[in-house]
N, C-alpha and C. Protein backbone atom coordinates (compact mmCIF):
# COMPACT_ATOMS: atom_id res chain seq x y z
N MET A 1 169.23 114.55 151.90
CA MET A 1 168.29 113.72 151.16
C MET A 1 168.55 113.88 149.66
N GLN A 2 168.69 112.74 148.97
CA GLN A 2 168.97 112.77 147.54
C GLN A 2 168.00 111.87 146.79
N VAL A 3 167.84 112.16 145.50
CA VAL A 3 167.01 111.33 144.64
C VAL A 3 167.73 111.14 143.31
N GLU A 4 167.55 109.97 142.72
CA GLU A 4 168.19 109.68 141.44
C GLU A 4 167.47 110.41 140.31
N VAL A 5 168.24 110.86 139.33
CA VAL A 5 167.68 111.45 138.12
C VAL A 5 167.91 110.44 136.99
N LYS A 6 166.82 110.06 136.33
CA LYS A 6 166.89 109.06 135.27
C LYS A 6 166.55 109.69 133.92
N ASN A 7 166.96 109.02 132.85
CA ASN A 7 166.45 109.42 131.54
C ASN A 7 165.21 108.59 131.23
N ILE A 8 164.58 108.82 130.11
CA ILE A 8 163.29 108.16 129.84
C ILE A 8 163.45 106.68 129.50
N THR A 9 164.70 106.21 129.42
CA THR A 9 164.92 104.77 129.22
C THR A 9 165.10 104.06 130.56
N GLY A 10 165.07 104.83 131.66
CA GLY A 10 165.20 104.24 132.99
C GLY A 10 166.61 104.19 133.53
N LYS A 11 167.59 104.72 132.80
CA LYS A 11 168.99 104.70 133.23
C LYS A 11 169.28 105.87 134.16
N VAL A 12 169.94 105.58 135.30
CA VAL A 12 170.30 106.62 136.27
C VAL A 12 171.50 107.39 135.73
N ILE A 13 171.36 108.70 135.69
CA ILE A 13 172.45 109.52 135.14
C ILE A 13 173.12 110.39 136.22
N LYS A 14 172.41 110.69 137.29
CA LYS A 14 173.01 111.46 138.38
C LYS A 14 172.05 111.49 139.58
N LYS A 15 172.44 112.22 140.61
CA LYS A 15 171.60 112.41 141.78
C LYS A 15 171.49 113.90 142.09
N VAL A 16 170.35 114.30 142.65
CA VAL A 16 170.15 115.69 143.07
C VAL A 16 169.69 115.72 144.52
N ASP A 17 169.98 116.82 145.17
CA ASP A 17 169.58 116.99 146.57
C ASP A 17 168.14 117.46 146.67
N LEU A 18 167.47 116.97 147.69
CA LEU A 18 166.10 117.39 147.98
C LEU A 18 166.07 118.06 149.35
N PRO A 19 165.51 119.25 149.46
CA PRO A 19 165.46 119.93 150.77
C PRO A 19 164.53 119.22 151.75
N GLU A 20 165.00 119.04 152.97
CA GLU A 20 164.21 118.38 154.01
C GLU A 20 162.93 119.15 154.32
N SER A 21 162.97 120.48 154.16
CA SER A 21 161.81 121.30 154.50
C SER A 21 160.62 121.03 153.59
N ILE A 22 160.88 120.42 152.42
CA ILE A 22 159.80 120.14 151.46
C ILE A 22 159.51 118.65 151.38
N TYR A 23 160.56 117.83 151.37
CA TYR A 23 160.40 116.40 151.12
C TYR A 23 160.63 115.54 152.36
N GLY A 24 160.78 116.19 153.52
CA GLY A 24 160.98 115.43 154.75
C GLY A 24 159.97 115.79 155.82
N VAL A 25 158.77 116.19 155.41
CA VAL A 25 157.74 116.61 156.35
C VAL A 25 156.99 115.38 156.89
N GLU A 26 156.71 115.39 158.17
CA GLU A 26 156.00 114.26 158.79
C GLU A 26 154.55 114.20 158.31
N MET A 27 154.00 112.99 158.30
CA MET A 27 152.61 112.78 157.89
C MET A 27 151.66 113.47 158.87
N ASN A 28 150.65 114.13 158.30
CA ASN A 28 149.61 114.76 159.10
C ASN A 28 148.27 114.47 158.42
N ASP A 29 147.59 113.44 158.90
CA ASP A 29 146.35 112.99 158.27
C ASP A 29 145.27 114.08 158.27
N HIS A 30 145.22 114.85 159.34
CA HIS A 30 144.16 115.86 159.46
C HIS A 30 144.31 116.94 158.38
N VAL A 31 145.54 117.42 158.19
CA VAL A 31 145.79 118.45 157.18
C VAL A 31 145.47 117.92 155.79
N LEU A 32 145.94 116.70 155.48
CA LEU A 32 145.68 116.12 154.17
C LEU A 32 144.19 115.94 153.93
N HIS A 33 143.48 115.43 154.93
CA HIS A 33 142.05 115.20 154.78
C HIS A 33 141.30 116.51 154.55
N THR A 34 141.66 117.53 155.30
CA THR A 34 140.99 118.83 155.17
C THR A 34 141.20 119.42 153.78
N VAL A 35 142.43 119.39 153.30
CA VAL A 35 142.76 120.01 152.01
C VAL A 35 142.20 119.20 150.84
N VAL A 36 142.38 117.89 150.87
CA VAL A 36 141.87 117.05 149.77
C VAL A 36 140.36 117.13 149.68
N LYS A 37 139.69 117.13 150.83
CA LYS A 37 138.23 117.24 150.85
C LYS A 37 137.78 118.57 150.25
N ALA A 38 138.52 119.64 150.54
CA ALA A 38 138.18 120.95 149.99
C ALA A 38 138.38 120.99 148.48
N TYR A 39 139.50 120.43 147.99
CA TYR A 39 139.74 120.39 146.54
C TYR A 39 138.63 119.62 145.83
N GLN A 40 138.22 118.49 146.38
CA GLN A 40 137.19 117.68 145.74
C GLN A 40 135.82 118.37 145.82
N ALA A 41 135.54 119.02 146.95
CA ALA A 41 134.26 119.73 147.09
C ALA A 41 134.17 120.90 146.12
N ASN A 42 135.31 121.57 145.89
CA ASN A 42 135.32 122.74 145.00
C ASN A 42 135.14 122.37 143.53
N LYS A 43 135.28 121.10 143.21
CA LYS A 43 135.05 120.64 141.85
C LYS A 43 133.56 120.42 141.57
N ARG A 44 132.75 120.33 142.61
CA ARG A 44 131.33 120.05 142.44
C ARG A 44 130.60 121.28 141.88
N GLN A 45 129.74 121.06 140.90
CA GLN A 45 129.03 122.17 140.27
C GLN A 45 127.89 122.68 141.13
N GLY A 46 127.23 121.80 141.83
CA GLY A 46 126.11 122.21 142.67
C GLY A 46 124.91 122.70 141.89
N THR A 47 124.71 122.18 140.66
CA THR A 47 123.59 122.63 139.82
C THR A 47 122.37 121.72 139.94
N HIS A 48 122.40 120.76 140.86
CA HIS A 48 121.27 119.85 141.02
C HIS A 48 120.03 120.62 141.49
N ALA A 49 118.86 120.20 141.06
CA ALA A 49 117.63 120.91 141.43
C ALA A 49 116.42 120.00 141.26
N THR A 50 115.45 120.16 142.14
CA THR A 50 114.15 119.50 142.00
C THR A 50 113.07 120.58 142.02
N LYS A 51 111.91 120.26 141.48
CA LYS A 51 110.84 121.25 141.38
C LYS A 51 110.03 121.33 142.67
N THR A 52 109.84 122.55 143.13
CA THR A 52 108.96 122.80 144.25
C THR A 52 107.53 123.00 143.73
N ARG A 53 106.58 123.23 144.62
CA ARG A 53 105.18 123.40 144.20
C ARG A 53 105.01 124.58 143.26
N SER A 54 105.84 125.59 143.44
CA SER A 54 105.70 126.78 142.59
C SER A 54 106.25 126.56 141.18
N LEU A 55 107.04 125.49 140.99
CA LEU A 55 107.66 125.23 139.70
C LEU A 55 106.96 124.16 138.88
N VAL A 56 106.11 123.34 139.52
CA VAL A 56 105.41 122.28 138.81
C VAL A 56 104.25 122.88 138.03
N SER A 57 104.15 122.53 136.75
CA SER A 57 103.08 123.09 135.92
C SER A 57 101.73 122.47 136.27
N GLY A 58 100.67 123.21 135.98
CA GLY A 58 99.31 122.71 136.22
C GLY A 58 98.91 122.89 137.67
N GLY A 59 97.86 122.19 138.06
CA GLY A 59 97.43 122.21 139.45
C GLY A 59 96.49 123.33 139.83
N GLY A 60 96.00 124.09 138.83
CA GLY A 60 95.10 125.19 139.18
C GLY A 60 93.70 124.70 139.54
N LYS A 61 93.37 123.52 139.07
CA LYS A 61 92.04 122.97 139.31
C LYS A 61 92.11 121.86 140.35
N LYS A 62 91.10 121.78 141.21
CA LYS A 62 91.02 120.71 142.20
C LYS A 62 90.96 119.37 141.43
N PRO A 63 91.85 118.41 141.74
CA PRO A 63 91.94 117.19 140.93
C PRO A 63 90.69 116.32 140.97
N PHE A 64 89.98 116.29 142.09
CA PHE A 64 88.73 115.54 142.19
C PHE A 64 87.90 116.13 143.32
N LYS A 65 86.66 115.76 143.37
CA LYS A 65 85.77 116.37 144.34
C LYS A 65 86.19 116.04 145.78
N GLN A 66 85.72 116.89 146.70
CA GLN A 66 86.15 116.80 148.09
C GLN A 66 85.72 115.49 148.74
N LYS A 67 84.49 115.05 148.49
CA LYS A 67 83.95 113.89 149.20
C LYS A 67 83.46 112.83 148.21
N GLY A 68 83.33 111.62 148.73
CA GLY A 68 82.70 110.57 147.97
C GLY A 68 83.62 109.69 147.14
N THR A 69 84.88 110.02 147.05
CA THR A 69 85.78 109.21 146.22
C THR A 69 86.50 108.14 147.03
N GLY A 70 86.55 108.29 148.34
CA GLY A 70 87.30 107.35 149.17
C GLY A 70 88.76 107.71 149.30
N ASN A 71 89.19 108.69 148.55
CA ASN A 71 90.58 109.13 148.62
C ASN A 71 90.73 110.28 149.61
N ALA A 72 91.94 110.55 150.01
CA ALA A 72 92.22 111.72 150.84
C ALA A 72 91.94 112.96 150.01
N ARG A 73 91.44 113.99 150.66
CA ARG A 73 91.11 115.21 149.93
C ARG A 73 92.38 115.88 149.39
N GLN A 74 92.26 116.44 148.21
CA GLN A 74 93.38 117.12 147.57
C GLN A 74 92.89 118.42 146.96
N GLY A 75 93.71 119.46 147.12
CA GLY A 75 93.33 120.75 146.56
C GLY A 75 94.08 121.10 145.29
N THR A 76 95.16 120.37 145.02
CA THR A 76 95.96 120.66 143.82
C THR A 76 96.74 119.42 143.39
N SER A 77 96.94 119.28 142.11
CA SER A 77 97.71 118.15 141.60
C SER A 77 99.21 118.39 141.77
N ARG A 78 99.59 119.60 142.19
CA ARG A 78 101.00 119.90 142.41
C ARG A 78 101.46 119.49 143.80
N SER A 79 100.57 118.93 144.61
CA SER A 79 100.91 118.49 145.95
C SER A 79 101.98 117.39 145.91
N PRO A 80 102.90 117.39 146.85
CA PRO A 80 103.93 116.35 146.88
C PRO A 80 103.35 114.94 147.00
N GLY A 81 102.14 114.82 147.49
CA GLY A 81 101.51 113.51 147.63
C GLY A 81 100.86 113.00 146.37
N MET A 82 100.84 113.79 145.31
CA MET A 82 100.19 113.41 144.06
C MET A 82 101.24 112.97 143.02
N PRO A 83 100.88 112.01 142.15
CA PRO A 83 101.80 111.62 141.08
C PRO A 83 102.12 112.82 140.18
N GLY A 84 103.40 113.03 139.91
CA GLY A 84 103.82 114.17 139.11
C GLY A 84 103.85 115.47 139.86
N GLY A 85 103.67 115.39 141.19
CA GLY A 85 103.67 116.60 142.00
C GLY A 85 105.06 117.06 142.37
N ALA A 86 105.12 118.01 143.27
CA ALA A 86 106.39 118.61 143.67
C ALA A 86 107.20 117.66 144.55
N VAL A 87 108.44 118.06 144.82
CA VAL A 87 109.32 117.30 145.71
C VAL A 87 109.54 118.12 146.97
N VAL A 88 109.36 117.46 148.11
CA VAL A 88 109.54 118.15 149.38
C VAL A 88 110.99 118.06 149.83
N LEU A 89 111.58 119.19 150.16
CA LEU A 89 112.94 119.26 150.69
C LEU A 89 113.96 118.59 149.77
N GLY A 90 113.73 118.69 148.45
CA GLY A 90 114.68 118.12 147.50
C GLY A 90 115.89 119.01 147.33
N PRO A 91 116.94 118.51 146.65
CA PRO A 91 118.16 119.31 146.46
C PRO A 91 117.90 120.53 145.60
N GLN A 92 118.53 121.62 145.95
CA GLN A 92 118.44 122.87 145.21
C GLN A 92 119.85 123.37 144.89
N PRO A 93 120.01 124.20 143.86
CA PRO A 93 121.35 124.71 143.53
C PRO A 93 122.03 125.35 144.74
N ARG A 94 123.29 124.98 144.93
CA ARG A 94 124.05 125.52 146.07
C ARG A 94 125.54 125.42 145.76
N SER A 95 126.34 126.12 146.52
CA SER A 95 127.79 126.07 146.37
C SER A 95 128.37 125.14 147.44
N TYR A 96 129.24 124.25 147.01
CA TYR A 96 129.91 123.33 147.94
C TYR A 96 131.31 123.83 148.32
N ARG A 97 131.62 125.03 147.90
CA ARG A 97 132.99 125.54 148.03
C ARG A 97 133.43 125.61 149.50
N GLN A 98 134.64 125.13 149.74
CA GLN A 98 135.25 125.19 151.06
C GLN A 98 136.54 126.00 150.97
N LYS A 99 136.74 126.88 151.91
CA LYS A 99 137.91 127.75 151.89
C LYS A 99 139.02 127.17 152.76
N VAL A 100 140.21 127.08 152.19
CA VAL A 100 141.39 126.63 152.93
C VAL A 100 142.49 127.66 152.69
N ASN A 101 143.16 128.09 153.74
CA ASN A 101 144.17 129.14 153.55
C ASN A 101 145.40 128.61 152.81
N LYS A 102 146.17 129.52 152.26
CA LYS A 102 147.28 129.18 151.38
C LYS A 102 148.35 128.36 152.09
N LYS A 103 148.65 128.70 153.33
CA LYS A 103 149.70 127.99 154.05
C LYS A 103 149.32 126.53 154.30
N THR A 104 148.05 126.29 154.55
CA THR A 104 147.60 124.92 154.78
C THR A 104 147.69 124.10 153.49
N LYS A 105 147.34 124.73 152.35
CA LYS A 105 147.47 124.04 151.05
C LYS A 105 148.93 123.69 150.77
N GLN A 106 149.84 124.64 151.05
CA GLN A 106 151.25 124.40 150.82
C GLN A 106 151.78 123.29 151.73
N LEU A 107 151.32 123.29 152.98
CA LEU A 107 151.74 122.24 153.91
C LEU A 107 151.25 120.87 153.43
N ALA A 108 150.02 120.82 152.95
CA ALA A 108 149.47 119.55 152.46
C ALA A 108 150.26 119.04 151.26
N LEU A 109 150.68 119.94 150.37
CA LEU A 109 151.48 119.53 149.22
C LEU A 109 152.84 119.01 149.67
N ARG A 110 153.45 119.66 150.66
CA ARG A 110 154.73 119.18 151.19
C ARG A 110 154.57 117.78 151.79
N ILE A 111 153.48 117.58 152.51
CA ILE A 111 153.23 116.27 153.12
C ILE A 111 153.05 115.21 152.04
N ALA A 112 152.29 115.53 150.99
CA ALA A 112 152.06 114.59 149.90
C ALA A 112 153.37 114.25 149.18
N LEU A 113 154.21 115.26 148.94
CA LEU A 113 155.50 115.03 148.29
C LEU A 113 156.42 114.19 149.18
N SER A 114 156.40 114.48 150.47
CA SER A 114 157.22 113.71 151.41
C SER A 114 156.78 112.25 151.46
N ASP A 115 155.47 112.03 151.37
CA ASP A 115 154.96 110.66 151.35
C ASP A 115 155.41 109.92 150.09
N LYS A 116 155.45 110.64 148.95
CA LYS A 116 155.93 110.02 147.71
C LYS A 116 157.41 109.63 147.85
N VAL A 117 158.23 110.51 148.42
CA VAL A 117 159.65 110.20 148.59
C VAL A 117 159.83 109.02 149.53
N LYS A 118 159.09 109.01 150.62
CA LYS A 118 159.20 107.94 151.62
C LYS A 118 158.85 106.59 151.03
N ASN A 119 157.88 106.55 150.10
CA ASN A 119 157.42 105.28 149.52
C ASN A 119 157.96 105.04 148.11
N ASN A 120 159.06 105.74 147.78
CA ASN A 120 159.71 105.58 146.47
C ASN A 120 158.76 105.87 145.30
N GLY A 121 157.88 106.84 145.51
CA GLY A 121 156.92 107.19 144.47
C GLY A 121 157.29 108.44 143.69
N LEU A 122 158.43 109.05 144.03
CA LEU A 122 158.90 110.24 143.31
C LEU A 122 159.98 109.83 142.32
N VAL A 123 159.73 110.06 141.04
CA VAL A 123 160.69 109.72 139.99
C VAL A 123 161.07 111.00 139.26
N VAL A 124 162.36 111.31 139.23
CA VAL A 124 162.84 112.51 138.55
C VAL A 124 163.51 112.10 137.25
N VAL A 125 163.10 112.73 136.16
CA VAL A 125 163.71 112.47 134.86
C VAL A 125 164.40 113.73 134.36
N ASP A 126 165.44 113.55 133.57
CA ASP A 126 166.17 114.72 133.08
C ASP A 126 165.33 115.51 132.08
N ASP A 127 164.60 114.78 131.23
CA ASP A 127 163.77 115.45 130.21
C ASP A 127 162.82 114.41 129.62
N PHE A 128 161.58 114.82 129.33
CA PHE A 128 160.64 113.90 128.70
C PHE A 128 160.90 113.73 127.21
N ALA A 129 161.74 114.60 126.64
CA ALA A 129 162.16 114.49 125.24
C ALA A 129 160.97 114.31 124.30
N LEU A 130 160.00 115.20 124.45
CA LEU A 130 158.78 115.12 123.65
C LEU A 130 158.68 116.37 122.78
N SER A 131 158.74 116.19 121.46
CA SER A 131 158.72 117.33 120.55
C SER A 131 157.43 117.40 119.73
N SER A 132 156.53 116.43 119.94
CA SER A 132 155.25 116.42 119.23
C SER A 132 154.28 115.55 120.03
N TYR A 133 153.03 115.49 119.59
CA TYR A 133 152.06 114.63 120.25
C TYR A 133 152.40 113.17 119.99
N SER A 134 152.61 112.39 121.04
CA SER A 134 152.96 110.98 120.86
C SER A 134 152.61 110.19 122.11
N THR A 135 151.46 109.55 122.08
CA THR A 135 151.06 108.68 123.19
C THR A 135 152.03 107.51 123.32
N LYS A 136 152.48 107.00 122.20
CA LYS A 136 153.41 105.87 122.20
C LYS A 136 154.72 106.23 122.91
N HIS A 137 155.20 107.44 122.70
CA HIS A 137 156.45 107.89 123.33
C HIS A 137 156.30 107.90 124.85
N VAL A 138 155.20 108.45 125.35
CA VAL A 138 154.97 108.52 126.80
C VAL A 138 154.76 107.12 127.36
N PHE A 139 154.01 106.29 126.65
CA PHE A 139 153.75 104.92 127.12
C PHE A 139 155.06 104.13 127.22
N ASN A 140 155.92 104.26 126.23
CA ASN A 140 157.20 103.55 126.24
C ASN A 140 158.10 104.06 127.37
N ALA A 141 158.04 105.37 127.62
CA ALA A 141 158.85 105.93 128.71
C ALA A 141 158.40 105.38 130.06
N LEU A 142 157.09 105.30 130.27
CA LEU A 142 156.57 104.75 131.53
C LEU A 142 156.89 103.27 131.66
N SER A 143 156.86 102.56 130.54
CA SER A 143 157.21 101.14 130.56
C SER A 143 158.68 100.95 130.94
N SER A 144 159.55 101.81 130.42
CA SER A 144 160.97 101.73 130.76
C SER A 144 161.22 102.04 132.23
N LEU A 145 160.40 102.95 132.77
CA LEU A 145 160.52 103.30 134.19
C LEU A 145 159.77 102.33 135.09
N LYS A 146 159.06 101.37 134.46
CA LYS A 146 158.29 100.34 135.18
C LYS A 146 157.21 100.96 136.07
N LEU A 147 156.44 101.87 135.47
CA LEU A 147 155.37 102.55 136.19
C LEU A 147 154.05 102.31 135.47
N SER A 148 152.99 102.07 136.25
CA SER A 148 151.67 101.86 135.66
C SER A 148 150.68 102.97 136.00
N SER A 149 150.89 103.63 137.13
CA SER A 149 150.03 104.74 137.54
C SER A 149 150.93 105.92 137.89
N ALA A 150 150.82 107.02 137.13
CA ALA A 150 151.74 108.12 137.35
C ALA A 150 151.15 109.45 136.93
N LEU A 151 151.52 110.49 137.68
CA LEU A 151 151.22 111.86 137.31
C LEU A 151 152.51 112.47 136.78
N LEU A 152 152.47 112.97 135.55
CA LEU A 152 153.65 113.54 134.92
C LEU A 152 153.64 115.05 135.09
N ALA A 153 154.76 115.62 135.46
CA ALA A 153 154.86 117.06 135.67
C ALA A 153 156.07 117.61 134.94
N ASP A 154 155.85 118.67 134.17
CA ASP A 154 156.93 119.28 133.41
C ASP A 154 156.63 120.76 133.21
N GLU A 155 157.67 121.52 132.92
CA GLU A 155 157.50 122.94 132.60
C GLU A 155 157.60 123.09 131.09
N ARG A 156 156.48 123.28 130.42
CA ARG A 156 156.46 123.35 128.97
C ARG A 156 155.55 124.50 128.53
N LYS A 157 155.85 125.06 127.37
CA LYS A 157 154.99 126.07 126.79
C LYS A 157 153.94 125.45 125.86
N ASP A 158 154.15 124.18 125.49
CA ASP A 158 153.18 123.48 124.64
C ASP A 158 152.38 122.50 125.49
N ASN A 159 151.39 121.85 124.87
CA ASN A 159 150.57 120.87 125.58
C ASN A 159 150.81 119.45 125.06
N PHE A 160 152.01 119.22 124.52
CA PHE A 160 152.35 117.90 123.97
C PHE A 160 152.24 116.81 125.04
N LEU A 161 152.77 117.08 126.22
CA LEU A 161 152.79 116.06 127.27
C LEU A 161 151.38 115.76 127.77
N GLN A 162 150.60 116.82 128.03
CA GLN A 162 149.25 116.62 128.53
C GLN A 162 148.39 115.80 127.56
N LYS A 163 148.42 116.17 126.29
CA LYS A 163 147.58 115.48 125.32
C LYS A 163 148.10 114.07 125.02
N SER A 164 149.40 113.87 125.10
CA SER A 164 149.96 112.55 124.85
C SER A 164 149.64 111.58 125.98
N ALA A 165 149.44 112.11 127.18
CA ALA A 165 149.15 111.26 128.34
C ALA A 165 147.66 111.02 128.54
N ASN A 166 146.83 111.79 127.83
CA ASN A 166 145.38 111.71 128.06
C ASN A 166 144.79 110.34 127.78
N ASN A 167 145.33 109.63 126.79
CA ASN A 167 144.75 108.35 126.39
C ASN A 167 145.33 107.15 127.12
N ILE A 168 146.18 107.40 128.10
CA ILE A 168 146.79 106.29 128.85
C ILE A 168 146.07 106.13 130.18
N HIS A 169 145.62 104.92 130.45
CA HIS A 169 144.87 104.64 131.68
C HIS A 169 145.72 104.88 132.91
N ARG A 170 145.17 105.57 133.90
CA ARG A 170 145.82 105.85 135.18
C ARG A 170 147.08 106.70 135.03
N VAL A 171 147.07 107.57 134.01
CA VAL A 171 148.19 108.49 133.80
C VAL A 171 147.63 109.89 133.54
N GLY A 172 148.22 110.90 134.17
CA GLY A 172 147.83 112.28 133.96
C GLY A 172 149.06 113.15 133.79
N ALA A 173 148.86 114.37 133.36
CA ALA A 173 149.99 115.28 133.16
C ALA A 173 149.58 116.70 133.51
N LEU A 174 150.47 117.41 134.23
CA LEU A 174 150.22 118.79 134.65
C LEU A 174 151.53 119.56 134.62
N SER A 175 151.42 120.87 134.70
CA SER A 175 152.62 121.68 134.93
C SER A 175 152.89 121.69 136.43
N SER A 176 154.11 122.01 136.82
CA SER A 176 154.46 122.00 138.24
C SER A 176 153.65 123.03 139.02
N GLY A 177 153.21 124.09 138.34
CA GLY A 177 152.42 125.11 139.02
C GLY A 177 151.02 124.66 139.37
N ASP A 178 150.56 123.57 138.73
CA ASP A 178 149.21 123.06 139.00
C ASP A 178 149.21 121.90 139.98
N LEU A 179 150.36 121.51 140.47
CA LEU A 179 150.43 120.39 141.41
C LEU A 179 149.83 120.80 142.76
N ASN A 180 149.01 119.93 143.31
CA ASN A 180 148.48 120.13 144.65
C ASN A 180 148.37 118.78 145.35
N ALA A 181 148.02 118.79 146.62
CA ALA A 181 148.00 117.55 147.40
C ALA A 181 147.01 116.54 146.82
N GLU A 182 145.88 117.01 146.31
CA GLU A 182 144.85 116.09 145.83
C GLU A 182 145.31 115.33 144.59
N ASN A 183 145.87 116.04 143.60
CA ASN A 183 146.26 115.32 142.38
C ASN A 183 147.57 114.54 142.56
N VAL A 184 148.43 114.93 143.50
CA VAL A 184 149.63 114.15 143.77
C VAL A 184 149.27 112.81 144.42
N LEU A 185 148.33 112.83 145.35
CA LEU A 185 147.93 111.61 146.04
C LEU A 185 147.06 110.70 145.19
N ARG A 186 146.47 111.24 144.12
CA ARG A 186 145.56 110.45 143.29
C ARG A 186 146.30 109.36 142.51
N TYR A 187 147.59 109.59 142.24
CA TYR A 187 148.38 108.65 141.45
C TYR A 187 149.43 107.98 142.34
N GLN A 188 149.80 106.77 141.96
CA GLN A 188 150.77 106.03 142.75
C GLN A 188 152.16 106.65 142.69
N ASN A 189 152.51 107.24 141.55
CA ASN A 189 153.83 107.82 141.37
C ASN A 189 153.73 109.24 140.82
N LEU A 190 154.75 110.04 141.13
CA LEU A 190 154.89 111.37 140.54
C LEU A 190 156.18 111.38 139.73
N VAL A 191 156.04 111.55 138.42
CA VAL A 191 157.21 111.62 137.53
C VAL A 191 157.38 113.07 137.13
N ILE A 192 158.47 113.67 137.55
CA ILE A 192 158.67 115.09 137.33
C ILE A 192 160.02 115.34 136.67
N SER A 193 160.05 116.26 135.75
CA SER A 193 161.31 116.60 135.09
C SER A 193 162.18 117.42 136.05
N GLU A 194 163.48 117.41 135.80
CA GLU A 194 164.40 118.14 136.68
C GLU A 194 164.11 119.63 136.67
N ASN A 195 163.74 120.16 135.53
CA ASN A 195 163.39 121.57 135.42
C ASN A 195 162.15 121.89 136.26
N ALA A 196 161.12 121.04 136.14
CA ALA A 196 159.89 121.25 136.91
C ALA A 196 160.13 121.08 138.40
N LEU A 197 161.05 120.18 138.76
CA LEU A 197 161.39 119.99 140.17
C LEU A 197 161.98 121.26 140.76
N ASN A 198 162.86 121.92 140.02
CA ASN A 198 163.46 123.17 140.49
C ASN A 198 162.42 124.27 140.63
N VAL A 199 161.50 124.36 139.65
CA VAL A 199 160.45 125.37 139.71
C VAL A 199 159.53 125.10 140.89
N LEU A 200 159.19 123.83 141.14
CA LEU A 200 158.33 123.46 142.27
C LEU A 200 158.99 123.81 143.59
N GLN A 201 160.28 123.55 143.71
CA GLN A 201 160.99 123.86 144.95
C GLN A 201 161.05 125.37 145.19
N GLN A 202 161.26 126.15 144.15
CA GLN A 202 161.26 127.60 144.29
C GLN A 202 159.89 128.09 144.75
N ARG A 203 158.86 127.50 144.20
CA ARG A 203 157.47 127.87 144.57
C ARG A 203 157.20 127.59 146.03
N LEU A 204 157.66 126.43 146.53
CA LEU A 204 157.37 126.06 147.91
C LEU A 204 158.29 126.73 148.91
N GLU A 205 159.47 127.12 148.48
CA GLU A 205 160.41 127.79 149.38
C GLU A 205 160.08 129.26 149.57
N THR A 206 159.39 129.87 148.60
CA THR A 206 159.07 131.30 148.67
C THR A 206 157.71 131.55 149.30
N ASN A 207 156.93 130.50 149.58
CA ASN A 207 155.59 130.67 150.15
C ASN A 207 155.55 130.14 151.58
């Protein structure tokens, strides 16, 4: 299995081999669904809260007399049946975290990468050639590659690529170490530098 390596102007300069064990994995909907659902659930803060009877202020005095008003009797204004009262069985702070073992996460990433290769969504570039913050540079590179939705991956010590891609609609940027099944599938294409591709393959071959 081979893939073309292009420069940022879209010209093919060579081809590199891709290991079948990483980029030739069969689709497994169950694994992808389990892992992506866990990644998305783990992003949730779970800080939502509603006030129970013990948290609503006031209510120490009986709101109106027991009889003669025509209303149902009430002993406190904090009752859920009263305006401004408590909420019954409302959401409370909780953790949505789901645990997925490391091998399953790695398998899901292999499946996502294989899906990109199968659908021509993996684009390898020799270098992003970015030496400063430049949204225009990244935008022009994507235009030359004829891509509108892409996740960019590179091995860099600076954050030039990430910040340059932030202002482009449907474009994101990460290091190869941060790639997972959820963010790979979120974008139509994965544009990865040759250096980052080698680092990613080493990561997946050793785990």
